[in-house]
Protein backbone atom coordinates (compact mmCIF):
# COMPACT_ATOMS: atom_id res chain seq x y z
CA UNK A 1 -10.09 -27.13 -7.83
CA UNK A 2 -11.60 -24.25 -5.84
CA UNK A 3 -9.07 -24.77 -3.04
CA UNK A 4 -6.29 -24.66 -5.60
CA UNK A 5 -7.61 -21.37 -6.98
CA UNK A 6 -7.92 -19.91 -3.50
CA UNK A 7 -4.42 -21.02 -2.57
CA UNK A 8 -3.10 -19.34 -5.71
CA UNK A 9 -4.97 -16.10 -4.99
CA UNK A 10 -4.13 -15.95 -1.29
CA UNK A 11 -0.47 -14.88 -1.67
CA UNK A 12 -1.57 -11.85 -3.68
CA UNK A 13 -4.28 -11.00 -1.15
CA UNK A 14 -1.93 -11.61 1.75
CA UNK A 15 0.67 -9.25 0.30
CA UNK A 16 -1.96 -6.58 -0.26
CA UNK A 17 -3.34 -6.97 3.26
CA UNK A 18 0.16 -6.78 4.73
CA UNK A 19 0.73 -3.55 2.82
CA UNK A 20 -2.49 -2.28 4.35
CA UNK A 21 -0.75 -2.40 7.70
CA UNK A 22 1.86 0.14 6.43
CA UNK A 23 4.69 -1.78 8.06
CA UNK A 24 5.97 -5.30 8.60
CA UNK A 25 3.75 -7.31 10.87
CA UNK A 26 5.14 -7.89 14.37
CA UNK A 27 5.87 -11.39 15.57
CA UNK A 28 3.34 -11.08 18.39
CA UNK A 29 0.47 -8.74 19.02
CA UNK A 30 1.28 -6.18 21.70
CA UNK A 31 -1.00 -6.15 24.73
CA UNK A 32 -3.26 -3.13 24.42
CA UNK A 33 -6.06 -1.90 26.63
CA UNK A 34 -9.58 -2.38 25.29
CA UNK A 35 -9.92 1.42 24.93
CA UNK A 36 -6.66 1.63 22.94
CA UNK A 37 -7.72 -1.26 20.72
CA UNK A 38 -11.02 0.49 20.05
CA UNK A 39 -9.25 3.76 19.10
CA UNK A 40 -6.95 1.99 16.67
CA UNK A 41 -9.73 -0.04 15.06
CA UNK A 42 -11.74 3.18 14.72
CA UNK A 43 -8.84 4.76 12.82
CA UNK A 44 -8.34 1.71 10.60
CA UNK A 45 -12.06 1.72 9.78
CA UNK A 46 -11.99 5.48 9.12
CA UNK A 47 -9.04 4.96 6.77
CA UNK A 48 -11.26 2.68 4.70
CA UNK A 49 -9.86 -0.66 5.84
CA UNK A 50 -13.00 -2.60 4.97
CA UNK A 51 -13.26 -0.95 1.55
CA UNK A 52 -9.60 -1.74 0.81
CA UNK A 53 -10.21 -5.40 1.61
CA UNK A 54 -13.27 -5.51 -0.63
CA UNK A 55 -11.32 -3.80 -3.40
CA UNK A 56 -8.51 -6.32 -3.04
CA UNK A 57 -10.92 -9.24 -3.36
CA UNK A 58 -12.60 -7.65 -6.39
CA UNK A 59 -9.24 -7.06 -8.07
CA UNK A 60 -8.23 -10.67 -7.53
CA UNK A 61 -11.43 -12.09 -9.00
CA UNK A 62 -9.77 -11.96 -12.42
CA UNK A 63 -7.16 -14.37 -11.10
CA UNK A 64 -9.88 -16.68 -9.78
CA UNK A 65 -11.57 -16.57 -13.20
CA UNK A 66 -8.28 -17.49 -14.89
CA UNK A 67 -7.59 -20.33 -12.50
CA UNK A 68 -11.15 -21.61 -12.57
CA UNK A 69 -12.52 -21.11 -16.09
CA UNK A 70 -15.01 -23.90 -15.30
CA UNK A 71 -17.00 -21.61 -12.96
CA UNK A 72 -19.92 -20.07 -14.87
CA UNK A 73 -19.97 -16.26 -14.96
CA UNK A 74 -23.32 -16.15 -13.17
CA UNK A 75 -21.76 -18.01 -10.20
CA UNK A 76 -18.84 -15.59 -9.78
CA UNK A 77 -20.73 -13.14 -7.51
CA UNK A 78 -21.32 -16.02 -5.06
CA UNK A 79 -17.66 -17.01 -5.29
CA UNK A 80 -16.62 -13.41 -4.65
CA UNK A 81 -18.90 -13.21 -1.59
CA UNK A 82 -17.44 -16.46 -0.27
CA UNK A 83 -13.85 -15.30 -0.72
CA UNK A 84 -14.67 -11.96 0.91
CA UNK A 85 -16.29 -13.75 3.86
CA UNK A 86 -13.21 -15.95 4.27
CA UNK A 87 -10.80 -13.00 4.14
CA UNK A 88 -12.89 -11.02 6.64
CA UNK A 89 -13.03 -14.06 8.97
CA UNK A 90 -9.25 -14.44 8.84
CA UNK A 91 -8.75 -10.75 9.52
CA UNK A 92 -11.09 -10.77 12.52
CA UNK A 93 -9.90 -14.13 13.89
CA UNK A 94 -7.76 -14.24 17.05
CA UNK A 95 -4.22 -13.43 15.96
CA UNK A 96 -5.53 -12.24 12.59
CA UNK A 97 -4.57 -9.12 10.69
CA UNK A 98 -6.76 -6.83 12.79
CA UNK A 99 -4.86 -7.81 15.95
CA UNK A 100 -1.51 -7.68 14.25
CA UNK A 101 -2.12 -4.18 12.88
CA UNK A 102 -2.90 -2.73 16.30
CA UNK A 103 0.74 -2.43 17.47
CA UNK A 104 1.75 -0.89 14.14
CA UNK A 105 -0.47 2.11 14.84
CA UNK A 106 0.01 2.06 18.60
CA UNK A 107 3.76 2.60 18.41
CA UNK A 108 3.40 5.46 15.93
CA UNK A 109 0.52 7.46 17.39
CA UNK A 110 -0.42 8.58 20.89
CA UNK A 111 -4.00 8.00 22.04
CA UNK A 112 -4.77 11.69 21.45
CA UNK A 113 -3.30 11.61 17.95
CA UNK A 114 -5.31 8.48 17.22
CA UNK A 115 -8.55 10.22 18.24
CA UNK A 116 -7.69 13.31 16.18
CA UNK A 117 -6.80 11.25 13.11
CA UNK A 118 -9.97 9.17 13.39
CA UNK A 119 -12.05 12.34 13.77
CA UNK A 120 -10.40 13.82 10.69
CA UNK A 121 -10.87 10.70 8.55
CA UNK A 122 -14.49 10.42 9.70
CA UNK A 123 -15.14 14.03 8.64
CA UNK A 124 -16.39 14.85 5.12
CA UNK A 125 -12.97 16.07 3.96
CA UNK A 126 -11.26 13.05 5.55
CA UNK A 127 -13.65 10.63 3.82
CA UNK A 128 -12.98 12.47 0.57
CA UNK A 129 -9.22 12.23 1.14
CA UNK A 130 -9.48 8.46 1.64
CA UNK A 131 -11.61 8.16 -1.48
CA UNK A 132 -9.62 10.35 -3.89
CA UNK A 133 -6.06 10.39 -2.55
CA UNK A 134 -4.93 7.11 -4.17
CA UNK A 135 -6.01 8.24 -7.64
CA UNK A 136 -4.71 11.79 -7.04
CA UNK A 137 -1.31 10.41 -6.03
CA UNK A 138 -1.23 8.10 -9.08
CA UNK A 139 -2.06 11.05 -11.33
CA UNK A 140 0.60 13.24 -9.65
CA UNK A 141 3.14 10.43 -10.10
CA UNK A 142 2.27 10.25 -13.81
CA UNK A 143 2.74 14.02 -14.14
CA UNK A 144 6.11 13.82 -12.37
CA UNK A 145 7.22 10.93 -14.60
CA UNK A 146 6.28 12.82 -17.76
CA UNK A 147 8.23 15.83 -16.50
CA UNK A 148 11.24 13.68 -15.66
CA UNK A 149 11.18 12.07 -19.10
CA UNK A 150 11.04 15.53 -20.67
CA UNK A 151 14.14 16.51 -18.69
CA UNK A 152 16.26 13.59 -19.94
CA UNK A 153 17.93 15.52 -22.81
CA UNK A 154 18.86 18.42 -20.51
CA UNK A 155 20.05 16.06 -17.77
CA UNK A 156 22.15 14.19 -20.31
CA UNK A 157 23.69 17.43 -21.58
CA UNK A 158 24.47 18.65 -18.07
CA UNK A 159 26.05 15.32 -17.14
CA UNK A 160 28.22 15.43 -20.27
CA UNK A 161 29.20 19.05 -19.52
CA UNK A 162 30.08 18.20 -15.89
CA UNK A 163 32.20 15.21 -16.94
CA UNK A 164 34.01 17.26 -19.57
CA UNK A 165 34.59 20.12 -17.11
CA UNK A 166 35.97 17.73 -14.49
CA UNK A 167 38.15 16.03 -17.08
CA UNK A 168 39.64 19.40 -18.09
CA UNK A 169 40.30 20.22 -14.43
CA UNK A 170 42.00 16.87 -13.96
CA UNK A 171 44.18 17.41 -17.04
CA UNK A 172 45.09 20.95 -15.99
CA UNK A 173 46.02 19.69 -12.55
CA UNK A 174 48.22 16.94 -13.97
CA UNK A 175 50.10 19.36 -16.20
CA UNK A 176 50.85 21.64 -13.27
CA UNK A 177 52.25 18.81 -11.14
CA UNK A 178 54.58 17.56 -13.87
CA UNK A 179 56.54 20.76 -14.02
């Protein structure tokens, strides 16, 4: 039963972990120097990679509880630790997510940019940005959606006015060509 629950939860976790990479995963890991690998892993760590993985596992524990109602609540922390250990093993394994993410960053950032980004995200303001930016962006999106909803009547009126104006122009043009 536990394997069935894990198999059901893994697609959700896999999708989330793939999104963590910010791009589709390459077919093969690009050969990178040990120094370059270290720079990239430093940036991924500074961006909160480990915390994102832990958050993903925590969020999916509800799914595990649904799929395995037979597991007592007091055993769920052990189950969560086991799932987290498995996910971390798979990420760190040869050919795992950690290796596959390296080329994603390598092709987008120079070594100098990588060092500067890592330094920023390791700084107090960078750590704060990693911590608060997701919720700040969600809140900003909510504000923008409320504003857009409030604009619907005006947008509708302007669309109607534009269609009517264009229809009048089309009618006027037809009358002139008939003569």
